[in-house]
Amino acid sequence: MWKKALLVIIAGVGVFLGFLIFGEKKNNQPLKVYVIFQEDAGRILLETFKEQTGQPYDIIRMSSGEASYHLLTLGKTGIDVVLGGPADLHEQLKNKNKSLRYSSAAANSIPAKYKDNDGYWTGMYMGALAIGVNQTVWQQDPTLKALPLPQGYEDLLRPELKGKIEIPDPETSGTGYTLLASLAQQRGDREAVSLMQSLKQQSASMTFAGNTSAQHLAEGELAAAVSFLSDQLRFKNSGYNISSLIPPQAGWEIGAVSILKGGNNSAAAKKLVDFMLSREVQTDYMNTAFSFPVAPNIPVNPLLVPVKLENLLATYRFDLAAEQHEKLLGEWREASK
């Protein structure tokens, strides 16, 4: 009898050790992350996360529109985390039952307006749409230097600016869709689409991603562009002669993080969310990307101190932007024919 009991114990120990070995192996598989913001900033963050936790990762840089297509229309992708991108993207993932609920303890201090009430996504930064002007280009252009700088979107429609501005495409860019959705919530769908079409016709091109417009602006290819303020400030911090203004009733974003159901490493994904919401990372990301942190009581970067947020569309709703996504883009496509 005792021999049988001993065999049972040995077998049980073997199963337990096997579980530990294979479980550890599974936990060490790369964490697959869609990064919606700048890839260099994403790599810095994930490298720091790897140094602290030993967790390997695979990074896939995508625009918000690309990520939306891949995650909402395709089958299982194997992606664990969506890092960044406007909250309306994360709302769509929640509504389509693509994301997992996870309320990090690190999110307890984050104000409710910066996170999902049900715990499916949490904000990690906040940013505003802005009109950026390359001051060097503006002052060297004889048709522009006598004009006042643009204060609102309609100012970008001046004939002197034809072919000298740029906006991002709302179908592929979260920046572009934030512009369209915020205009729709402020002015109604028809007027929003009409203004966006006028801006499109005025533009040298429509960019795939919002940060590309900021790059073209910095490089002197444009006199003015619409993008998120943070993208403009990154180039300003590098010495480019860019001024930025938040137009009246401007749209804004909560850059969020969420965990996907189709992933294979939810434990590591939760650790990444905890990491991203920590005070240290919130501070580091602000000083790298020049977005406002959502964690309270963090002194803002000097470039953010003079930014006036009073012009933001206070009533902008991310859930409504997510709900109306296909409807608005359908109206945009129809008007583009």
C-alpha atoms as a PDB file:
ATOM      1  CA  MET A   1       0.000   0.000   0.000  1.00  0.00           C
ATOM      2  CA  TRP A   2       2.748   2.428   0.959  1.00  0.00           C
ATOM      3  CA  LYS A   3       4.528   1.759  -2.357  1.00  0.00           C
ATOM      4  CA  LYS A   4       1.401   2.766  -4.301  1.00  0.00           C
ATOM      5  CA  ALA A   5       1.074   5.901  -2.202  1.00  0.00           C
ATOM      6  CA  LEU A   6       4.699   6.745  -2.870  1.00  0.00           C
ATOM      7  CA  LEU A   7       4.191   6.303  -6.618  1.00  0.00           C
ATOM      8  CA  VAL A   8       1.160   8.610  -6.491  1.00  0.00           C
ATOM      9  CA  ILE A   9       3.197  11.262  -4.653  1.00  0.00           C
ATOM     10  CA  ILE A  10       6.096  10.982  -7.119  1.00  0.00           C
ATOM     11  CA  ALA A  11       3.722  11.236 -10.057  1.00  0.00           C
ATOM     12  CA  GLY A  12       2.071  14.267  -8.506  1.00  0.00           C
ATOM     13  CA  VAL A  13       5.414  15.956  -7.931  1.00  0.00           C
ATOM     14  CA  GLY A  14       6.363  15.236 -11.556  1.00  0.00           C
ATOM     15  CA  VAL A  15       3.164  16.814 -12.830  1.00  0.00           C
ATOM     16  CA  PHE A  16       3.710  19.851 -10.593  1.00  0.00           C
ATOM     17  CA  LEU A  17       7.313  20.301 -11.763  1.00  0.00           C
ATOM     18  CA  GLY A  18       6.244  19.892 -15.367  1.00  0.00           C
ATOM     19  CA  PHE A  19       3.622  22.557 -14.862  1.00  0.00           C
ATOM     20  CA  LEU A  20       6.212  24.911 -13.421  1.00  0.00           C
ATOM     21  CA  ILE A  21       8.671  24.255 -16.246  1.00  0.00           C
ATOM     22  CA  PHE A  22       6.203  24.600 -19.090  1.00  0.00           C
ATOM     23  CA  GLY A  23       4.297  27.383 -17.368  1.00  0.00           C
ATOM     24  CA  GLU A  24       7.513  29.367 -17.013  1.00  0.00           C
ATOM     25  CA  LYS A  25       8.330  28.724 -20.657  1.00  0.00           C
ATOM     26  CA  LYS A  26       4.917  29.994 -21.704  1.00  0.00           C
ATOM     27  CA  ASN A  27       5.303  33.118 -19.579  1.00  0.00           C
ATOM     28  CA  ASN A  28       8.612  33.882 -21.296  1.00  0.00           C
ATOM     29  CA  GLN A  29       7.144  33.993 -24.779  1.00  0.00           C
ATOM     30  CA  PRO A  30       7.283  37.457 -26.343  1.00  0.00           C
ATOM     31  CA  LEU A  31       4.574  39.902 -25.389  1.00  0.00           C
ATOM     32  CA  LYS A  32       3.044  41.082 -28.663  1.00  0.00           C
ATOM     33  CA  VAL A  33       2.232  44.789 -28.609  1.00  0.00           C
ATOM     34  CA  TYR A  34       0.564  47.068 -31.134  1.00  0.00           C
ATOM     35  CA  VAL A  35       2.069  50.533 -30.610  1.00  0.00           C
ATOM     36  CA  ILE A  36      -0.099  53.331 -32.014  1.00  0.00           C
ATOM     37  CA  PHE A  37       2.199  56.236 -31.149  1.00  0.00           C
ATOM     38  CA  GLN A  38       5.795  56.801 -32.309  1.00  0.00           C
ATOM     39  CA  GLU A  39       7.762  53.572 -32.629  1.00  0.00           C
ATOM     40  CA  ASP A  40      10.936  54.992 -31.077  1.00  0.00           C
ATOM     41  CA  ALA A  41       9.036  56.008 -27.930  1.00  0.00           C
ATOM     42  CA  GLY A  42       7.372  52.578 -27.840  1.00  0.00           C
ATOM     43  CA  ARG A  43      10.707  50.777 -28.056  1.00  0.00           C
ATOM     44  CA  ILE A  44      12.187  52.866 -25.241  1.00  0.00           C
ATOM     45  CA  LEU A  45       9.233  52.038 -23.001  1.00  0.00           C
ATOM     46  CA  LEU A  46       9.219  48.332 -23.825  1.00  0.00           C
ATOM     47  CA  GLU A  47      12.992  48.048 -23.405  1.00  0.00           C
ATOM     48  CA  THR A  48      12.689  49.551 -19.933  1.00  0.00           C
ATOM     49  CA  PHE A  49       9.840  47.146 -19.181  1.00  0.00           C
ATOM     50  CA  LYS A  50      12.021  44.245 -20.355  1.00  0.00           C
ATOM     51  CA  GLU A  51      14.930  45.380 -18.175  1.00  0.00           C
ATOM     52  CA  GLN A  52      12.675  45.525 -15.122  1.00  0.00           C
ATOM     53  CA  THR A  53      10.747  42.294 -15.681  1.00  0.00           C
ATOM     54  CA  GLY A  54      12.824  40.159 -18.042  1.00  0.00           C
ATOM     55  CA  GLN A  55       9.808  39.963 -20.353  1.00  0.00           C
ATOM     56  CA  PRO A  56      10.690  39.750 -24.083  1.00  0.00           C
ATOM     57  CA  TYR A  57       8.400  41.522 -26.517  1.00  0.00           C
ATOM     58  CA  ASP A  58       7.493  41.975 -30.165  1.00  0.00           C
ATOM     59  CA  ILE A  59       6.517  45.474 -31.213  1.00  0.00           C
ATOM     60  CA  ILE A  60       4.272  46.179 -34.191  1.00  0.00           C
ATOM     61  CA  ARG A  61       3.861  49.841 -35.117  1.00  0.00           C
ATOM     62  CA  MET A  62       0.475  50.647 -36.600  1.00  0.00           C
ATOM     63  CA  SER A  63      -1.664  53.686 -37.161  1.00  0.00           C
ATOM     64  CA  SER A  64      -5.003  53.773 -35.374  1.00  0.00           C
ATOM     65  CA  GLY A  65      -6.872  53.023 -38.600  1.00  0.00           C
ATOM     66  CA  GLU A  66      -4.674  50.013 -39.393  1.00  0.00           C
ATOM     67  CA  ALA A  67      -5.069  48.639 -35.879  1.00  0.00           C
ATOM     68  CA  SER A  68      -8.825  49.108 -36.039  1.00  0.00           C
ATOM     69  CA  TYR A  69      -9.018  47.118 -39.285  1.00  0.00           C
ATOM     70  CA  HIS A  70      -6.774  44.293 -38.106  1.00  0.00           C
ATOM     71  CA  LEU A  71      -8.341  43.912 -34.696  1.00  0.00           C
ATOM     72  CA  LEU A  72     -12.012  44.478 -35.515  1.00  0.00           C
ATOM     73  CA  THR A  73     -12.366  42.730 -38.862  1.00  0.00           C
ATOM     74  CA  LEU A  74      -9.816  39.911 -38.770  1.00  0.00           C
ATOM     75  CA  GLY A  75      -9.839  36.774 -36.640  1.00  0.00           C
ATOM     76  CA  LYS A  76      -7.445  35.967 -33.817  1.00  0.00           C
ATOM     77  CA  THR A  77      -4.323  38.097 -34.217  1.00  0.00           C
ATOM     78  CA  GLY A  78      -2.240  36.892 -31.276  1.00  0.00           C
ATOM     79  CA  ILE A  79      -1.728  40.489 -30.159  1.00  0.00           C
ATOM     80  CA  ASP A  80      -1.675  40.941 -26.379  1.00  0.00           C
ATOM     81  CA  VAL A  81      -1.772  44.713 -25.849  1.00  0.00           C
ATOM     82  CA  VAL A  82      -2.816  47.824 -27.749  1.00  0.00           C
ATOM     83  CA  LEU A  83      -0.578  50.616 -26.494  1.00  0.00           C
ATOM     84  CA  GLY A  84      -1.719  54.157 -27.240  1.00  0.00           C
ATOM     85  CA  GLY A  85      -4.156  55.489 -29.775  1.00  0.00           C
ATOM     86  CA  PRO A  86      -7.302  57.532 -29.052  1.00  0.00           C
ATOM     87  CA  ALA A  87      -9.781  56.097 -26.574  1.00  0.00           C
ATOM     88  CA  ASP A  88     -12.455  55.708 -29.262  1.00  0.00           C
ATOM     89  CA  LEU A  89     -10.355  52.871 -30.762  1.00  0.00           C
ATOM     90  CA  HIS A  90     -10.303  51.144 -27.375  1.00  0.00           C
ATOM     91  CA  GLU A  91     -14.041  51.770 -27.016  1.00  0.00           C
ATOM     92  CA  GLN A  92     -14.574  49.971 -30.320  1.00  0.00           C
ATOM     93  CA  LEU A  93     -12.529  47.018 -29.066  1.00  0.00           C
ATOM     94  CA  LYS A  94     -14.625  46.934 -25.911  1.00  0.00           C
ATOM     95  CA  ASN A  95     -17.906  47.151 -27.830  1.00  0.00           C
ATOM     96  CA  LYS A  96     -16.864  44.338 -30.177  1.00  0.00           C
ATOM     97  CA  ASN A  97     -15.925  42.109 -27.225  1.00  0.00           C
ATOM     98  CA  LYS A  98     -12.264  42.102 -28.269  1.00  0.00           C
ATOM     99  CA  SER A  99     -10.686  43.329 -25.033  1.00  0.00           C
ATOM    100  CA  LEU A 100     -10.311  42.032 -21.494  1.00  0.00           C
ATOM    101  CA  ARG A 101     -11.397  43.853 -18.369  1.00  0.00           C
ATOM    102  CA  TYR A 102      -8.466  44.785 -16.163  1.00  0.00           C
ATOM    103  CA  SER A 103      -8.517  47.465 -13.494  1.00  0.00           C
ATOM    104  CA  SER A 104      -4.923  48.024 -12.482  1.00  0.00           C
ATOM    105  CA  ALA A 105      -4.251  49.136  -8.922  1.00  0.00           C
ATOM    106  CA  ALA A 106      -2.110  51.845 -10.495  1.00  0.00           C
ATOM    107  CA  ALA A 107      -5.261  53.287 -12.068  1.00  0.00           C
ATOM    108  CA  ASN A 108      -6.924  54.010  -8.737  1.00  0.00           C
ATOM    109  CA  SER A 109      -5.520  57.532  -8.589  1.00  0.00           C
ATOM    110  CA  ILE A 110      -6.306  58.348 -12.242  1.00  0.00           C
ATOM    111  CA  PRO A 111      -9.419  60.555 -12.621  1.00  0.00           C
ATOM    112  CA  ALA A 112     -12.527  58.789 -13.910  1.00  0.00           C
ATOM    113  CA  LYS A 113     -12.677  60.925 -17.066  1.00  0.00           C
ATOM    114  CA  TYR A 114      -9.403  59.344 -18.228  1.00  0.00           C
ATOM    115  CA  LYS A 115     -10.463  55.686 -17.969  1.00  0.00           C
ATOM    116  CA  ASP A 116     -13.284  53.323 -18.858  1.00  0.00           C
ATOM    117  CA  ASN A 117     -15.846  52.913 -16.091  1.00  0.00           C
ATOM    118  CA  ASP A 118     -15.964  49.164 -16.726  1.00  0.00           C
ATOM    119  CA  GLY A 119     -12.192  48.709 -16.664  1.00  0.00           C
ATOM    120  CA  TYR A 120     -11.643  47.702 -20.297  1.00  0.00           C
ATOM    121  CA  TRP A 121      -9.163  50.488 -21.035  1.00  0.00           C
ATOM    122  CA  THR A 122      -7.193  53.041 -19.077  1.00  0.00           C
ATOM    123  CA  GLY A 123      -5.778  56.346 -20.264  1.00  0.00           C
ATOM    124  CA  MET A 124      -2.017  56.781 -20.148  1.00  0.00           C
ATOM    125  CA  TYR A 125      -1.693  60.271 -21.649  1.00  0.00           C
ATOM    126  CA  MET A 126      -3.826  63.158 -22.871  1.00  0.00           C
ATOM    127  CA  GLY A 127      -3.323  65.291 -25.978  1.00  0.00           C
ATOM    128  CA  ALA A 128      -5.023  68.045 -27.969  1.00  0.00           C
ATOM    129  CA  LEU A 129      -5.419  68.802 -31.653  1.00  0.00           C
ATOM    130  CA  ALA A 130      -3.468  71.871 -32.692  1.00  0.00           C
ATOM    131  CA  ILE A 131      -2.669  73.986 -35.713  1.00  0.00           C
ATOM    132  CA  GLY A 132       1.069  74.019 -36.162  1.00  0.00           C
ATOM    133  CA  VAL A 133       2.913  76.683 -38.176  1.00  0.00           C
ATOM    134  CA  ASN A 134       6.464  76.515 -39.462  1.00  0.00           C
ATOM    135  CA  GLN A 135       7.497  80.073 -38.670  1.00  0.00           C
ATOM    136  CA  THR A 136      10.494  79.997 -40.991  1.00  0.00           C
ATOM    137  CA  VAL A 137       8.406  78.939 -43.989  1.00  0.00           C
ATOM    138  CA  TRP A 138       5.658  81.411 -43.073  1.00  0.00           C
ATOM    139  CA  GLN A 139       7.997  84.393 -42.796  1.00  0.00           C
ATOM    140  CA  GLN A 140       9.893  83.538 -45.972  1.00  0.00           C
ATOM    141  CA  ASP A 141       6.737  83.194 -48.062  1.00  0.00           C
ATOM    142  CA  PRO A 142       5.884  86.648 -49.517  1.00  0.00           C
ATOM    143  CA  THR A 143       2.179  85.758 -49.726  1.00  0.00           C
ATOM    144  CA  LEU A 144       1.992  84.651 -46.082  1.00  0.00           C
ATOM    145  CA  LYS A 145       4.313  86.821 -44.007  1.00  0.00           C
ATOM    146  CA  ALA A 146       1.878  89.752 -43.913  1.00  0.00           C
ATOM    147  CA  LEU A 147      -1.027  87.519 -42.834  1.00  0.00           C
ATOM    148  CA  PRO A 148      -1.941  86.795 -39.215  1.00  0.00           C
ATOM    149  CA  LEU A 149      -1.271  83.250 -38.075  1.00  0.00           C
ATOM    150  CA  PRO A 150      -4.283  80.903 -38.275  1.00  0.00           C
ATOM    151  CA  GLN A 151      -6.438  80.836 -35.158  1.00  0.00           C
ATOM    152  CA  GLY A 152      -9.074  78.360 -36.339  1.00  0.00           C
ATOM    153  CA  TYR A 153      -9.615  75.694 -38.990  1.00  0.00           C
ATOM    154  CA  GLU A 154     -11.377  78.088 -41.368  1.00  0.00           C
ATOM    155  CA  ASP A 155      -8.243  80.255 -41.421  1.00  0.00           C
ATOM    156  CA  LEU A 156      -6.469  77.355 -43.139  1.00  0.00           C
ATOM    157  CA  LEU A 157      -8.814  77.817 -46.099  1.00  0.00           C
ATOM    158  CA  ARG A 158      -7.288  81.151 -47.129  1.00  0.00           C
ATOM    159  CA  PRO A 159      -6.352  81.054 -50.815  1.00  0.00           C
ATOM    160  CA  GLU A 160      -2.745  81.990 -49.948  1.00  0.00           C
ATOM    161  CA  LEU A 161      -2.423  78.646 -48.125  1.00  0.00           C
ATOM    162  CA  LYS A 162      -3.575  76.477 -51.047  1.00  0.00           C
ATOM    163  CA  GLY A 163      -1.215  73.486 -51.265  1.00  0.00           C
ATOM    164  CA  LYS A 164       0.744  74.661 -48.230  1.00  0.00           C
ATOM    165  CA  ILE A 165      -1.159  72.841 -45.478  1.00  0.00           C
ATOM    166  CA  GLU A 166      -1.793  69.215 -44.598  1.00  0.00           C
ATOM    167  CA  ILE A 167      -4.285  67.196 -42.570  1.00  0.00           C
ATOM    168  CA  PRO A 168      -4.260  63.458 -41.788  1.00  0.00           C
ATOM    169  CA  ASP A 169      -6.696  61.024 -43.390  1.00  0.00           C
ATOM    170  CA  PRO A 170      -9.557  60.154 -40.995  1.00  0.00           C
ATOM    171  CA  GLU A 171      -9.789  56.634 -42.442  1.00  0.00           C
ATOM    172  CA  THR A 172      -6.235  55.665 -41.511  1.00  0.00           C
ATOM    173  CA  SER A 173      -5.226  58.110 -38.802  1.00  0.00           C
ATOM    174  CA  GLY A 174      -6.557  58.410 -35.271  1.00  0.00           C
ATOM    175  CA  THR A 175      -5.591  62.073 -35.433  1.00  0.00           C
ATOM    176  CA  GLY A 176      -7.664  62.559 -38.571  1.00  0.00           C
ATOM    177  CA  TYR A 177     -10.639  60.728 -37.108  1.00  0.00           C
ATOM    178  CA  THR A 178     -10.439  62.755 -33.888  1.00  0.00           C
ATOM    179  CA  LEU A 179     -10.610  65.887 -36.042  1.00  0.00           C
ATOM    180  CA  LEU A 180     -13.655  64.607 -37.947  1.00  0.00           C
ATOM    181  CA  ALA A 181     -15.474  63.236 -34.876  1.00  0.00           C
ATOM    182  CA  SER A 182     -14.887  66.332 -32.757  1.00  0.00           C
ATOM    183  CA  LEU A 183     -16.123  68.599 -35.559  1.00  0.00           C
ATOM    184  CA  ALA A 184     -19.206  66.378 -35.921  1.00  0.00           C
ATOM    185  CA  GLN A 185     -19.982  66.589 -32.217  1.00  0.00           C
ATOM    186  CA  GLN A 186     -19.531  70.347 -32.248  1.00  0.00           C
ATOM    187  CA  ARG A 187     -21.164  71.277 -35.584  1.00  0.00           C
ATOM    188  CA  GLY A 188     -23.092  68.245 -36.808  1.00  0.00           C
ATOM    189  CA  ASP A 189     -22.086  65.583 -39.337  1.00  0.00           C
ATOM    190  CA  ARG A 190     -22.837  67.510 -42.532  1.00  0.00           C
ATOM    191  CA  GLU A 191     -20.873  70.632 -41.610  1.00  0.00           C
ATOM    192  CA  ALA A 192     -18.001  68.552 -40.221  1.00  0.00           C
ATOM    193  CA  VAL A 193     -17.637  66.502 -43.405  1.00  0.00           C
ATOM    194  CA  SER A 194     -17.941  69.644 -45.541  1.00  0.00           C
ATOM    195  CA  LEU A 195     -15.167  71.424 -43.628  1.00  0.00           C
ATOM    196  CA  MET A 196     -12.938  68.344 -43.743  1.00  0.00           C
ATOM    197  CA  GLN A 197     -13.460  68.069 -47.491  1.00  0.00           C
ATOM    198  CA  SER A 198     -12.510  71.746 -47.906  1.00  0.00           C
ATOM    199  CA  LEU A 199      -9.368  71.173 -45.840  1.00  0.00           C
ATOM    200  CA  LYS A 200      -8.576  68.119 -47.946  1.00  0.00           C
ATOM    201  CA  GLN A 201      -8.844  70.129 -51.167  1.00  0.00           C
ATOM    202  CA  GLN A 202      -6.643  72.812 -49.635  1.00  0.00           C
ATOM    203  CA  SER A 203      -3.973  70.286 -48.577  1.00  0.00           C
ATOM    204  CA  ALA A 204      -0.845  69.315 -50.424  1.00  0.00           C
ATOM    205  CA  SER A 205      -1.761  65.738 -49.488  1.00  0.00           C
ATOM    206  CA  MET A 206      -3.546  63.743 -46.825  1.00  0.00           C
ATOM    207  CA  THR A 207      -1.169  61.776 -44.643  1.00  0.00           C
ATOM    208  CA  PHE A 208      -1.573  58.185 -43.496  1.00  0.00           C
ATOM    209  CA  ALA A 209      -0.715  59.103 -39.897  1.00  0.00           C
ATOM    210  CA  GLY A 210      -0.943  62.329 -37.927  1.00  0.00           C
ATOM    211  CA  ASN A 211       2.709  62.415 -36.858  1.00  0.00           C
ATOM    212  CA  THR A 212       3.689  62.426 -40.559  1.00  0.00           C
ATOM    213  CA  SER A 213       1.972  65.794 -40.989  1.00  0.00           C
ATOM    214  CA  ALA A 214       3.996  67.162 -38.075  1.00  0.00           C
ATOM    215  CA  GLN A 215       7.178  65.791 -39.639  1.00  0.00           C
ATOM    216  CA  HIS A 216       6.427  67.400 -43.004  1.00  0.00           C
ATOM    217  CA  LEU A 217       5.754  70.657 -41.175  1.00  0.00           C
ATOM    218  CA  ALA A 218       9.056  70.499 -39.320  1.00  0.00           C
ATOM    219  CA  GLU A 219      10.999  69.709 -42.486  1.00  0.00           C
ATOM    220  CA  GLY A 220       9.648  72.828 -44.177  1.00  0.00           C
ATOM    221  CA  GLU A 221       7.431  71.097 -46.728  1.00  0.00           C
ATOM    222  CA  LEU A 222       4.397  72.941 -45.344  1.00  0.00           C
ATOM    223  CA  ALA A 223       3.485  76.285 -43.859  1.00  0.00           C
ATOM    224  CA  ALA A 224       0.831  74.817 -41.541  1.00  0.00           C
ATOM    225  CA  ALA A 225      -0.615  71.460 -40.494  1.00  0.00           C
ATOM    226  CA  VAL A 226      -3.188  69.955 -38.160  1.00  0.00           C
ATOM    227  CA  SER A 227      -1.905  67.244 -35.841  1.00  0.00           C
ATOM    228  CA  PHE A 228      -1.788  66.441 -32.183  1.00  0.00           C
ATOM    229  CA  LEU A 229       0.105  69.082 -30.229  1.00  0.00           C
ATOM    230  CA  SER A 230       2.495  66.480 -28.825  1.00  0.00           C
ATOM    231  CA  ASP A 231       3.800  65.635 -32.314  1.00  0.00           C
ATOM    232  CA  GLN A 232       4.501  69.302 -32.985  1.00  0.00           C
ATOM    233  CA  LEU A 233       6.231  69.787 -29.629  1.00  0.00           C
ATOM    234  CA  ARG A 234       8.536  66.832 -30.239  1.00  0.00           C
ATOM    235  CA  PHE A 235       9.929  68.623 -33.280  1.00  0.00           C
ATOM    236  CA  LYS A 236       9.962  71.995 -31.529  1.00  0.00           C
ATOM    237  CA  ASN A 237      12.031  70.402 -28.773  1.00  0.00           C
ATOM    238  CA  SER A 238      14.502  69.248 -31.448  1.00  0.00           C
ATOM    239  CA  GLY A 239      15.053  72.835 -32.585  1.00  0.00           C
ATOM    240  CA  TYR A 240      12.497  73.258 -35.363  1.00  0.00           C
ATOM    241  CA  ASN A 241      10.844  76.667 -35.597  1.00  0.00           C
ATOM    242  CA  ILE A 242       7.255  75.565 -34.967  1.00  0.00           C
ATOM    243  CA  SER A 243       4.518  77.465 -33.173  1.00  0.00           C
ATOM    244  CA  SER A 244       1.315  75.765 -32.082  1.00  0.00           C
ATOM    245  CA  LEU A 245      -2.179  76.940 -31.280  1.00  0.00           C
ATOM    246  CA  ILE A 246      -5.177  74.982 -30.039  1.00  0.00           C
ATOM    247  CA  PRO A 247      -8.167  76.210 -32.101  1.00  0.00           C
ATOM    248  CA  PRO A 248     -11.562  76.935 -30.501  1.00  0.00           C
ATOM    249  CA  GLN A 249     -13.524  73.811 -29.506  1.00  0.00           C
ATOM    250  CA  ALA A 250     -10.641  71.564 -30.509  1.00  0.00           C
ATOM    251  CA  GLY A 251     -10.872  67.806 -30.315  1.00  0.00           C
ATOM    252  CA  TRP A 252      -8.623  65.926 -27.936  1.00  0.00           C
ATOM    253  CA  GLU A 253      -7.570  62.396 -27.141  1.00  0.00           C
ATOM    254  CA  ILE A 254      -7.022  60.117 -24.244  1.00  0.00           C
ATOM    255  CA  GLY A 255      -4.230  57.822 -25.352  1.00  0.00           C
ATOM    256  CA  ALA A 256      -5.206  54.512 -23.810  1.00  0.00           C
ATOM    257  CA  VAL A 257      -3.940  51.003 -23.181  1.00  0.00           C
ATOM    258  CA  SER A 258      -6.023  47.834 -23.295  1.00  0.00           C
ATOM    259  CA  ILE A 259      -5.497  44.069 -23.176  1.00  0.00           C
ATOM    260  CA  LEU A 260      -6.875  41.893 -25.966  1.00  0.00           C
ATOM    261  CA  LYS A 261      -8.765  38.627 -25.647  1.00  0.00           C
ATOM    262  CA  GLY A 262      -6.932  37.096 -28.590  1.00  0.00           C
ATOM    263  CA  GLY A 263      -3.526  37.338 -26.922  1.00  0.00           C
ATOM    264  CA  ASN A 264      -1.486  34.530 -25.438  1.00  0.00           C
ATOM    265  CA  ASN A 265       0.194  36.276 -22.513  1.00  0.00           C
ATOM    266  CA  SER A 266      -2.382  38.044 -20.366  1.00  0.00           C
ATOM    267  CA  ALA A 267      -0.262  37.893 -17.203  1.00  0.00           C
ATOM    268  CA  ALA A 268       2.573  39.828 -18.833  1.00  0.00           C
ATOM    269  CA  ALA A 269       0.030  42.142 -20.475  1.00  0.00           C
ATOM    270  CA  LYS A 270      -1.318  43.113 -17.055  1.00  0.00           C
ATOM    271  CA  LYS A 271       2.212  43.810 -15.842  1.00  0.00           C
ATOM    272  CA  LEU A 272       2.743  46.108 -18.829  1.00  0.00           C
ATOM    273  CA  VAL A 273      -0.429  48.035 -18.002  1.00  0.00           C
ATOM    274  CA  ASP A 274       0.757  48.434 -14.384  1.00  0.00           C
ATOM    275  CA  PHE A 275       4.120  49.623 -15.678  1.00  0.00           C
ATOM    276  CA  MET A 276       2.622  52.160 -18.080  1.00  0.00           C
ATOM    277  CA  LEU A 277       0.420  53.692 -15.387  1.00  0.00           C
ATOM    278  CA  SER A 278       3.214  54.083 -12.848  1.00  0.00           C
ATOM    279  CA  ARG A 279       4.160  57.616 -11.864  1.00  0.00           C
ATOM    280  CA  GLU A 280       7.735  57.143 -13.088  1.00  0.00           C
ATOM    281  CA  VAL A 281       6.698  56.011 -16.580  1.00  0.00           C
ATOM    282  CA  GLN A 282       4.001  58.676 -16.806  1.00  0.00           C
ATOM    283  CA  THR A 283       6.684  61.280 -16.133  1.00  0.00           C
ATOM    284  CA  ASP A 284       9.209  59.745 -18.536  1.00  0.00           C
ATOM    285  CA  TYR A 285       6.674  59.441 -21.349  1.00  0.00           C
ATOM    286  CA  MET A 286       5.568  63.057 -20.909  1.00  0.00           C
ATOM    287  CA  ASN A 287       9.171  64.232 -21.238  1.00  0.00           C
ATOM    288  CA  THR A 288       9.687  62.067 -24.332  1.00  0.00           C
ATOM    289  CA  ALA A 289       6.390  62.510 -26.172  1.00  0.00           C
ATOM    290  CA  PHE A 290       5.188  65.846 -24.718  1.00  0.00           C
ATOM    291  CA  SER A 291       1.691  64.609 -23.962  1.00  0.00           C
ATOM    292  CA  PHE A 292      -0.014  65.496 -20.709  1.00  0.00           C
ATOM    293  CA  PRO A 293       0.142  62.732 -18.071  1.00  0.00           C
ATOM    294  CA  VAL A 294      -3.146  61.468 -16.686  1.00  0.00           C
ATOM    295  CA  ALA A 295      -1.743  60.589 -13.262  1.00  0.00           C
ATOM    296  CA  PRO A 296      -2.290  63.505 -10.860  1.00  0.00           C
ATOM    297  CA  ASN A 297       0.316  65.799  -9.318  1.00  0.00           C
ATOM    298  CA  ILE A 298       3.026  65.339 -11.934  1.00  0.00           C
ATOM    299  CA  PRO A 299       4.743  68.657 -12.774  1.00  0.00           C
ATOM    300  CA  VAL A 300       4.397  69.169 -16.519  1.00  0.00           C
ATOM    301  CA  ASN A 301       7.268  69.585 -18.938  1.00  0.00           C
ATOM    302  CA  PRO A 302       8.263  73.241 -19.539  1.00  0.00           C
ATOM    303  CA  LEU A 303       7.029  73.025 -23.144  1.00  0.00           C
ATOM    304  CA  LEU A 304       3.565  72.161 -21.838  1.00  0.00           C
ATOM    305  CA  VAL A 305       3.385  74.932 -19.225  1.00  0.00           C
ATOM    306  CA  PRO A 306       2.172  77.688 -21.629  1.00  0.00           C
ATOM    307  CA  VAL A 307      -0.376  75.412 -23.345  1.00  0.00           C
ATOM    308  CA  LYS A 308      -3.921  76.699 -22.863  1.00  0.00           C
ATOM    309  CA  LEU A 309      -6.434  73.863 -22.671  1.00  0.00           C
ATOM    310  CA  GLU A 310      -9.450  76.144 -22.275  1.00  0.00           C
ATOM    311  CA  ASN A 311     -10.172  75.881 -26.012  1.00  0.00           C
ATOM    312  CA  LEU A 312     -10.793  72.140 -25.903  1.00  0.00           C
ATOM    313  CA  LEU A 313     -14.246  70.782 -26.705  1.00  0.00           C
ATOM    314  CA  ALA A 314     -15.179  69.943 -23.113  1.00  0.00           C
ATOM    315  CA  THR A 315     -18.203  67.893 -24.187  1.00  0.00           C
ATOM    316  CA  TYR A 316     -16.255  65.619 -26.544  1.00  0.00           C
ATOM    317  CA  ARG A 317     -17.357  62.014 -25.984  1.00  0.00           C
ATOM    318  CA  PHE A 318     -15.104  59.104 -26.895  1.00  0.00           C
ATOM    319  CA  ASP A 319     -17.919  56.575 -26.628  1.00  0.00           C
ATOM    320  CA  LEU A 320     -19.947  58.553 -29.153  1.00  0.00           C
ATOM    321  CA  ALA A 321     -16.936  58.856 -31.462  1.00  0.00           C
ATOM    322  CA  ALA A 322     -16.590  55.063 -31.308  1.00  0.00           C
ATOM    323  CA  GLU A 323     -20.309  54.459 -31.831  1.00  0.00           C
ATOM    324  CA  GLN A 324     -20.430  56.734 -34.891  1.00  0.00           C
ATOM    325  CA  HIS A 325     -17.145  55.578 -36.407  1.00  0.00           C
ATOM    326  CA  GLU A 326     -18.497  53.681 -39.407  1.00  0.00           C
ATOM    327  CA  LYS A 327     -21.337  56.144 -39.986  1.00  0.00           C
ATOM    328  CA  LEU A 328     -19.020  59.164 -40.071  1.00  0.00           C
ATOM    329  CA  LEU A 329     -16.439  57.467 -42.251  1.00  0.00           C
ATOM    330  CA  GLY A 330     -19.210  56.338 -44.578  1.00  0.00           C
ATOM    331  CA  GLU A 331     -20.334  59.949 -44.989  1.00  0.00           C
ATOM    332  CA  TRP A 332     -16.701  60.971 -45.531  1.00  0.00           C
ATOM    333  CA  ARG A 333     -16.232  58.342 -48.263  1.00  0.00           C
ATOM    334  CA  GLU A 334     -19.462  59.354 -49.966  1.00  0.00           C
ATOM    335  CA  ALA A 335     -18.410  63.012 -50.015  1.00  0.00           C
ATOM    336  CA  SER A 336     -14.982  62.043 -51.369  1.00  0.00           C
ATOM    337  CA  LYS A 337     -16.446  60.448 -54.506  1.00  0.00           C
END
